[in-house]
């Protein structure tokens, strides 16, 4: 058996053990898969939806009750169970607070990113 025949019969086995992917390529593939799941920001809500959201938010603010906020952030819709901490006079955002009482986290959510607010 000649050397050439041995190589042909082994096919690609000569290179099988050396297949690898650079970390940069792997990160790019993972990022592309995440980007495929992103969704655009919802369209403008109608007046009734805004009225209902505002009513629930102000009620939660005045009575310190928990709410579930469904909002858009960086291409994904997220749910957050929280307390309403503050609503600025311009009504462009909502400041929420969540987490353990000793170590609570505060976050600002833009009003136009809010899709739904529910009482808990």
C-alpha atoms as a PDB file:
ATOM      1  CA  UNK A   1       0.000   0.000   0.000  1.00  0.00           C
ATOM      2  CA  UNK A   2       1.395   3.309  -0.992  1.00  0.00           C
ATOM      3  CA  UNK A   3       1.338   6.454   1.132  1.00  0.00           C
ATOM      4  CA  UNK A   4      -1.150   8.217  -1.206  1.00  0.00           C
ATOM      5  CA  UNK A   5      -3.679   5.371  -0.928  1.00  0.00           C
ATOM      6  CA  UNK A   6      -3.496   5.475   2.871  1.00  0.00           C
ATOM      7  CA  UNK A   7      -4.180   9.211   2.872  1.00  0.00           C
ATOM      8  CA  UNK A   8      -7.165   8.855   0.526  1.00  0.00           C
ATOM      9  CA  UNK A   9      -8.759   6.084   2.604  1.00  0.00           C
ATOM     10  CA  UNK A  10      -8.423   8.059   5.836  1.00  0.00           C
ATOM     11  CA  UNK A  11     -10.347  10.905   4.276  1.00  0.00           C
ATOM     12  CA  UNK A  12     -10.330  13.956   6.488  1.00  0.00           C
ATOM     13  CA  UNK A  13      -9.249  12.094   9.642  1.00  0.00           C
ATOM     14  CA  UNK A  14      -5.861  13.738   9.362  1.00  0.00           C
ATOM     15  CA  UNK A  15      -7.457  17.068  10.365  1.00  0.00           C
ATOM     16  CA  UNK A  16     -10.295  15.841  12.614  1.00  0.00           C
ATOM     17  CA  UNK A  17      -8.398  16.393  15.874  1.00  0.00           C
ATOM     18  CA  UNK A  18      -7.366  19.946  15.036  1.00  0.00           C
ATOM     19  CA  UNK A  19     -10.793  21.496  14.477  1.00  0.00           C
ATOM     20  CA  UNK A  20     -11.304  24.502  16.676  1.00  0.00           C
ATOM     21  CA  UNK A  21     -13.117  27.777  16.866  1.00  0.00           C
ATOM     22  CA  UNK A  22     -11.558  31.014  18.003  1.00  0.00           C
ATOM     23  CA  UNK A  23     -13.212  32.592  21.069  1.00  0.00           C
ATOM     24  CA  UNK A  24     -13.941  35.730  19.038  1.00  0.00           C
ATOM     25  CA  UNK A  25     -15.837  33.677  16.450  1.00  0.00           C
ATOM     26  CA  UNK A  26     -17.782  31.830  19.132  1.00  0.00           C
ATOM     27  CA  UNK A  27     -18.802  35.129  20.799  1.00  0.00           C
ATOM     28  CA  UNK A  28     -19.922  36.515  17.425  1.00  0.00           C
ATOM     29  CA  UNK A  29     -22.083  33.451  16.738  1.00  0.00           C
ATOM     30  CA  UNK A  30     -23.664  33.679  20.213  1.00  0.00           C
ATOM     31  CA  UNK A  31     -24.361  37.403  19.732  1.00  0.00           C
ATOM     32  CA  UNK A  32     -25.952  36.786  16.325  1.00  0.00           C
ATOM     33  CA  UNK A  33     -28.241  34.136  17.828  1.00  0.00           C
ATOM     34  CA  UNK A  34     -29.301  36.592  20.555  1.00  0.00           C
ATOM     35  CA  UNK A  35     -29.933  39.315  17.965  1.00  0.00           C
ATOM     36  CA  UNK A  36     -32.211  36.953  16.021  1.00  0.00           C
ATOM     37  CA  UNK A  37     -34.595  36.903  19.003  1.00  0.00           C
ATOM     38  CA  UNK A  38     -34.802  40.689  19.390  1.00  0.00           C
ATOM     39  CA  UNK A  39     -38.125  42.406  18.716  1.00  0.00           C
ATOM     40  CA  UNK A  40     -38.816  46.025  17.813  1.00  0.00           C
ATOM     41  CA  UNK A  41     -40.440  48.440  20.244  1.00  0.00           C
ATOM     42  CA  UNK A  42     -44.224  48.146  20.204  1.00  0.00           C
ATOM     43  CA  UNK A  43     -46.264  50.738  18.389  1.00  0.00           C
ATOM     44  CA  UNK A  44     -47.887  53.669  20.138  1.00  0.00           C
ATOM     45  CA  UNK A  45     -50.455  52.603  22.728  1.00  0.00           C
ATOM     46  CA  UNK A  46     -53.936  54.055  22.469  1.00  0.00           C
ATOM     47  CA  UNK A  47     -55.384  56.527  24.966  1.00  0.00           C
ATOM     48  CA  UNK A  48     -57.345  53.887  26.909  1.00  0.00           C
ATOM     49  CA  UNK A  49     -54.231  51.774  27.420  1.00  0.00           C
ATOM     50  CA  UNK A  50     -52.273  54.813  28.672  1.00  0.00           C
ATOM     51  CA  UNK A  51     -55.129  55.728  30.991  1.00  0.00           C
ATOM     52  CA  UNK A  52     -55.195  52.213  32.488  1.00  0.00           C
ATOM     53  CA  UNK A  53     -51.391  52.128  32.896  1.00  0.00           C
ATOM     54  CA  UNK A  54     -51.410  55.554  34.550  1.00  0.00           C
ATOM     55  CA  UNK A  55     -54.225  54.584  36.894  1.00  0.00           C
ATOM     56  CA  UNK A  56     -52.448  51.409  38.059  1.00  0.00           C
ATOM     57  CA  UNK A  57     -49.110  53.219  38.486  1.00  0.00           C
ATOM     58  CA  UNK A  58     -50.586  56.090  40.515  1.00  0.00           C
ATOM     59  CA  UNK A  59     -52.597  53.693  42.660  1.00  0.00           C
ATOM     60  CA  UNK A  60     -49.461  51.630  43.353  1.00  0.00           C
ATOM     61  CA  UNK A  61     -47.490  54.790  44.147  1.00  0.00           C
ATOM     62  CA  UNK A  62     -50.113  56.125  46.575  1.00  0.00           C
ATOM     63  CA  UNK A  63     -50.727  52.796  48.348  1.00  0.00           C
ATOM     64  CA  UNK A  64     -47.216  51.264  48.145  1.00  0.00           C
ATOM     65  CA  UNK A  65     -48.443  48.110  46.461  1.00  0.00           C
ATOM     66  CA  UNK A  66     -46.503  45.810  44.158  1.00  0.00           C
ATOM     67  CA  UNK A  67     -47.087  45.791  40.421  1.00  0.00           C
ATOM     68  CA  UNK A  68     -45.886  43.704  37.518  1.00  0.00           C
ATOM     69  CA  UNK A  69     -44.491  45.898  34.727  1.00  0.00           C
ATOM     70  CA  UNK A  70     -44.049  44.465  31.243  1.00  0.00           C
ATOM     71  CA  UNK A  71     -41.596  46.707  29.396  1.00  0.00           C
ATOM     72  CA  UNK A  72     -39.230  46.724  26.414  1.00  0.00           C
ATOM     73  CA  UNK A  73     -35.455  46.998  26.890  1.00  0.00           C
ATOM     74  CA  UNK A  74     -32.699  46.433  24.322  1.00  0.00           C
ATOM     75  CA  UNK A  75     -34.881  44.410  21.969  1.00  0.00           C
ATOM     76  CA  UNK A  76     -36.577  42.195  24.555  1.00  0.00           C
ATOM     77  CA  UNK A  77     -39.771  42.408  26.585  1.00  0.00           C
ATOM     78  CA  UNK A  78     -39.181  41.912  30.298  1.00  0.00           C
ATOM     79  CA  UNK A  79     -41.418  41.482  33.324  1.00  0.00           C
ATOM     80  CA  UNK A  80     -40.510  43.151  36.595  1.00  0.00           C
ATOM     81  CA  UNK A  81     -42.304  42.794  39.925  1.00  0.00           C
ATOM     82  CA  UNK A  82     -41.638  46.020  41.804  1.00  0.00           C
ATOM     83  CA  UNK A  83     -42.901  49.006  43.763  1.00  0.00           C
ATOM     84  CA  UNK A  84     -43.386  52.388  42.130  1.00  0.00           C
ATOM     85  CA  UNK A  85     -40.916  54.731  43.784  1.00  0.00           C
ATOM     86  CA  UNK A  86     -41.402  57.988  41.875  1.00  0.00           C
ATOM     87  CA  UNK A  87     -43.117  59.433  38.806  1.00  0.00           C
ATOM     88  CA  UNK A  88     -41.595  62.732  37.573  1.00  0.00           C
ATOM     89  CA  UNK A  89     -43.897  65.633  36.694  1.00  0.00           C
ATOM     90  CA  UNK A  90     -43.231  65.233  32.963  1.00  0.00           C
ATOM     91  CA  UNK A  91     -44.556  61.624  33.039  1.00  0.00           C
ATOM     92  CA  UNK A  92     -41.752  60.524  30.680  1.00  0.00           C
ATOM     93  CA  UNK A  93     -40.439  57.815  32.998  1.00  0.00           C
ATOM     94  CA  UNK A  94     -41.201  55.744  36.078  1.00  0.00           C
ATOM     95  CA  UNK A  95     -38.738  55.099  38.895  1.00  0.00           C
ATOM     96  CA  UNK A  96     -39.237  51.625  40.390  1.00  0.00           C
ATOM     97  CA  UNK A  97     -37.751  49.780  43.338  1.00  0.00           C
ATOM     98  CA  UNK A  98     -37.359  46.026  43.734  1.00  0.00           C
ATOM     99  CA  UNK A  99     -35.339  43.456  45.630  1.00  0.00           C
ATOM    100  CA  UNK A 100     -34.869  42.817  49.347  1.00  0.00           C
ATOM    101  CA  UNK A 101     -35.906  45.649  51.643  1.00  0.00           C
ATOM    102  CA  UNK A 102     -32.392  46.061  53.064  1.00  0.00           C
ATOM    103  CA  UNK A 103     -30.694  46.121  49.677  1.00  0.00           C
ATOM    104  CA  UNK A 104     -33.325  47.330  47.203  1.00  0.00           C
ATOM    105  CA  UNK A 105     -32.474  48.275  43.631  1.00  0.00           C
ATOM    106  CA  UNK A 106     -33.893  51.328  41.889  1.00  0.00           C
ATOM    107  CA  UNK A 107     -34.348  51.513  38.142  1.00  0.00           C
ATOM    108  CA  UNK A 108     -35.829  54.046  35.747  1.00  0.00           C
ATOM    109  CA  UNK A 109     -38.098  52.805  32.982  1.00  0.00           C
ATOM    110  CA  UNK A 110     -39.085  55.121  30.129  1.00  0.00           C
ATOM    111  CA  UNK A 111     -42.847  55.496  29.876  1.00  0.00           C
ATOM    112  CA  UNK A 112     -42.891  54.819  26.121  1.00  0.00           C
ATOM    113  CA  UNK A 113     -41.188  51.438  26.762  1.00  0.00           C
ATOM    114  CA  UNK A 114     -43.930  50.269  29.134  1.00  0.00           C
ATOM    115  CA  UNK A 115     -46.366  47.878  27.506  1.00  0.00           C
ATOM    116  CA  UNK A 116     -48.497  46.737  30.421  1.00  0.00           C
ATOM    117  CA  UNK A 117     -48.783  47.263  34.195  1.00  0.00           C
ATOM    118  CA  UNK A 118     -50.763  44.890  36.399  1.00  0.00           C
ATOM    119  CA  UNK A 119     -51.651  44.947  40.083  1.00  0.00           C
ATOM    120  CA  UNK A 120     -50.425  42.009  42.133  1.00  0.00           C
END
